Amino acid sequence: MKPDKAYVPLKPFLITKNDDGMIRLTVRETRYNSQGYPLVTATVVDQAFETATKARQHAAAEFRAKPGEFAMK
């Protein structure tokens, strides 16, 4: 089944800053049910990072992330 054309896919990696000023990395996986509705699973990585660059480097090393697969919030 093809996904809904109105749905904009999420980037698989989300980088956010928490209240303590540390950077957090969230890994998101999108799959589709039988009706084509997107189901997103988001898992926060246990490790906190000092900079977004370090979070990107960790994602590249551990999850084979590529440039353009990151969203910032």
C-alpha atoms as a PDB file:
ATOM      1  CA  MET A   1       0.000   0.000   0.000  1.00  0.00           C
ATOM      2  CA  LYS A   2       1.362   3.442  -0.879  1.00  0.00           C
ATOM      3  CA  PRO A   3       1.615   6.080   1.856  1.00  0.00           C
ATOM      4  CA  ASP A   4      -0.759   9.047   1.900  1.00  0.00           C
ATOM      5  CA  LYS A   5       0.462  11.732  -0.517  1.00  0.00           C
ATOM      6  CA  ALA A   6      -0.478  14.495   1.944  1.00  0.00           C
ATOM      7  CA  TYR A   7       1.886  13.067   4.570  1.00  0.00           C
ATOM      8  CA  VAL A   8       5.349  14.637   4.678  1.00  0.00           C
ATOM      9  CA  PRO A   9       7.833  12.037   5.941  1.00  0.00           C
ATOM     10  CA  LEU A  10       9.725  12.881   9.117  1.00  0.00           C
ATOM     11  CA  LYS A  11      13.484  13.038   9.094  1.00  0.00           C
ATOM     12  CA  PRO A  12      14.785   9.978  10.953  1.00  0.00           C
ATOM     13  CA  PHE A  13      16.909  11.921  13.463  1.00  0.00           C
ATOM     14  CA  LEU A  14      15.715  14.761  15.699  1.00  0.00           C
ATOM     15  CA  ILE A  15      18.176  16.938  17.628  1.00  0.00           C
ATOM     16  CA  THR A  16      16.748  18.947  20.542  1.00  0.00           C
ATOM     17  CA  LYS A  17      18.089  20.944  23.478  1.00  0.00           C
ATOM     18  CA  ASN A  18      16.740  20.015  26.911  1.00  0.00           C
ATOM     19  CA  ASP A  19      16.158  22.307  29.910  1.00  0.00           C
ATOM     20  CA  ASP A  20      19.701  21.679  31.193  1.00  0.00           C
ATOM     21  CA  GLY A  21      21.193  22.967  27.939  1.00  0.00           C
ATOM     22  CA  MET A  22      22.352  19.538  26.801  1.00  0.00           C
ATOM     23  CA  ILE A  23      21.642  18.232  23.300  1.00  0.00           C
ATOM     24  CA  ARG A  24      19.478  15.109  22.927  1.00  0.00           C
ATOM     25  CA  LEU A  25      19.208  12.828  19.911  1.00  0.00           C
ATOM     26  CA  THR A  26      15.948  11.063  19.023  1.00  0.00           C
ATOM     27  CA  VAL A  27      15.846   8.251  16.475  1.00  0.00           C
ATOM     28  CA  ARG A  28      12.524   8.066  14.608  1.00  0.00           C
ATOM     29  CA  GLU A  29      11.297   5.114  12.575  1.00  0.00           C
ATOM     30  CA  THR A  30       8.300   5.485  10.259  1.00  0.00           C
ATOM     31  CA  ARG A  31       6.338   2.494   9.031  1.00  0.00           C
ATOM     32  CA  TYR A  32       2.886   2.269   7.488  1.00  0.00           C
ATOM     33  CA  ASN A  33      -0.165   0.233   8.466  1.00  0.00           C
ATOM     34  CA  SER A  34      -2.326  -1.642   5.962  1.00  0.00           C
ATOM     35  CA  GLN A  35      -4.340   1.509   5.150  1.00  0.00           C
ATOM     36  CA  GLY A  36      -1.180   3.516   4.425  1.00  0.00           C
ATOM     37  CA  TYR A  37      -1.338   5.518   7.661  1.00  0.00           C
ATOM     38  CA  PRO A  38       2.132   6.401   9.013  1.00  0.00           C
ATOM     39  CA  LEU A  39       3.129   5.021  12.413  1.00  0.00           C
ATOM     40  CA  VAL A  40       6.146   6.749  13.959  1.00  0.00           C
ATOM     41  CA  THR A  41       8.234   5.263  16.757  1.00  0.00           C
ATOM     42  CA  ALA A  42      10.575   7.739  18.466  1.00  0.00           C
ATOM     43  CA  THR A  43      13.372   6.560  20.761  1.00  0.00           C
ATOM     44  CA  VAL A  44      15.541   9.013  22.693  1.00  0.00           C
ATOM     45  CA  VAL A  45      19.217   8.017  22.860  1.00  0.00           C
ATOM     46  CA  ASP A  46      20.343   7.696  26.498  1.00  0.00           C
ATOM     47  CA  GLN A  47      23.482   9.761  25.982  1.00  0.00           C
ATOM     48  CA  ALA A  48      23.343  13.582  26.127  1.00  0.00           C
ATOM     49  CA  PHE A  49      25.730  15.654  24.002  1.00  0.00           C
ATOM     50  CA  GLU A  50      27.408  19.026  24.483  1.00  0.00           C
ATOM     51  CA  THR A  51      26.901  20.112  20.871  1.00  0.00           C
ATOM     52  CA  ALA A  52      24.686  19.241  17.919  1.00  0.00           C
ATOM     53  CA  THR A  53      27.815  18.322  15.953  1.00  0.00           C
ATOM     54  CA  LYS A  54      28.678  15.628  18.497  1.00  0.00           C
ATOM     55  CA  ALA A  55      25.106  14.306  18.305  1.00  0.00           C
ATOM     56  CA  ARG A  56      25.377  14.137  14.497  1.00  0.00           C
ATOM     57  CA  GLN A  57      28.732  12.344  14.733  1.00  0.00           C
ATOM     58  CA  HIS A  58      27.231   9.809  17.148  1.00  0.00           C
ATOM     59  CA  ALA A  59      24.264   9.213  14.822  1.00  0.00           C
ATOM     60  CA  ALA A  60      26.598   8.745  11.857  1.00  0.00           C
ATOM     61  CA  ALA A  61      28.766   6.253  13.764  1.00  0.00           C
ATOM     62  CA  GLU A  62      25.999   4.277  15.491  1.00  0.00           C
ATOM     63  CA  PHE A  63      23.067   4.504  13.051  1.00  0.00           C
ATOM     64  CA  ARG A  64      24.783   5.286   9.710  1.00  0.00           C
ATOM     65  CA  ALA A  65      23.038   8.646   9.518  1.00  0.00           C
ATOM     66  CA  LYS A  66      23.698  10.758   6.442  1.00  0.00           C
ATOM     67  CA  PRO A  67      23.644  14.549   6.003  1.00  0.00           C
ATOM     68  CA  GLY A  68      20.101  15.789   5.388  1.00  0.00           C
ATOM     69  CA  GLU A  69      18.510  13.194   7.686  1.00  0.00           C
ATOM     70  CA  PHE A  70      18.479  15.516  10.717  1.00  0.00           C
ATOM     71  CA  ALA A  71      15.785  17.841  12.022  1.00  0.00           C
ATOM     72  CA  MET A  72      16.445  20.475  14.698  1.00  0.00           C
ATOM     73  CA  LYS A  73      13.959  21.665  17.275  1.00  0.00           C
END
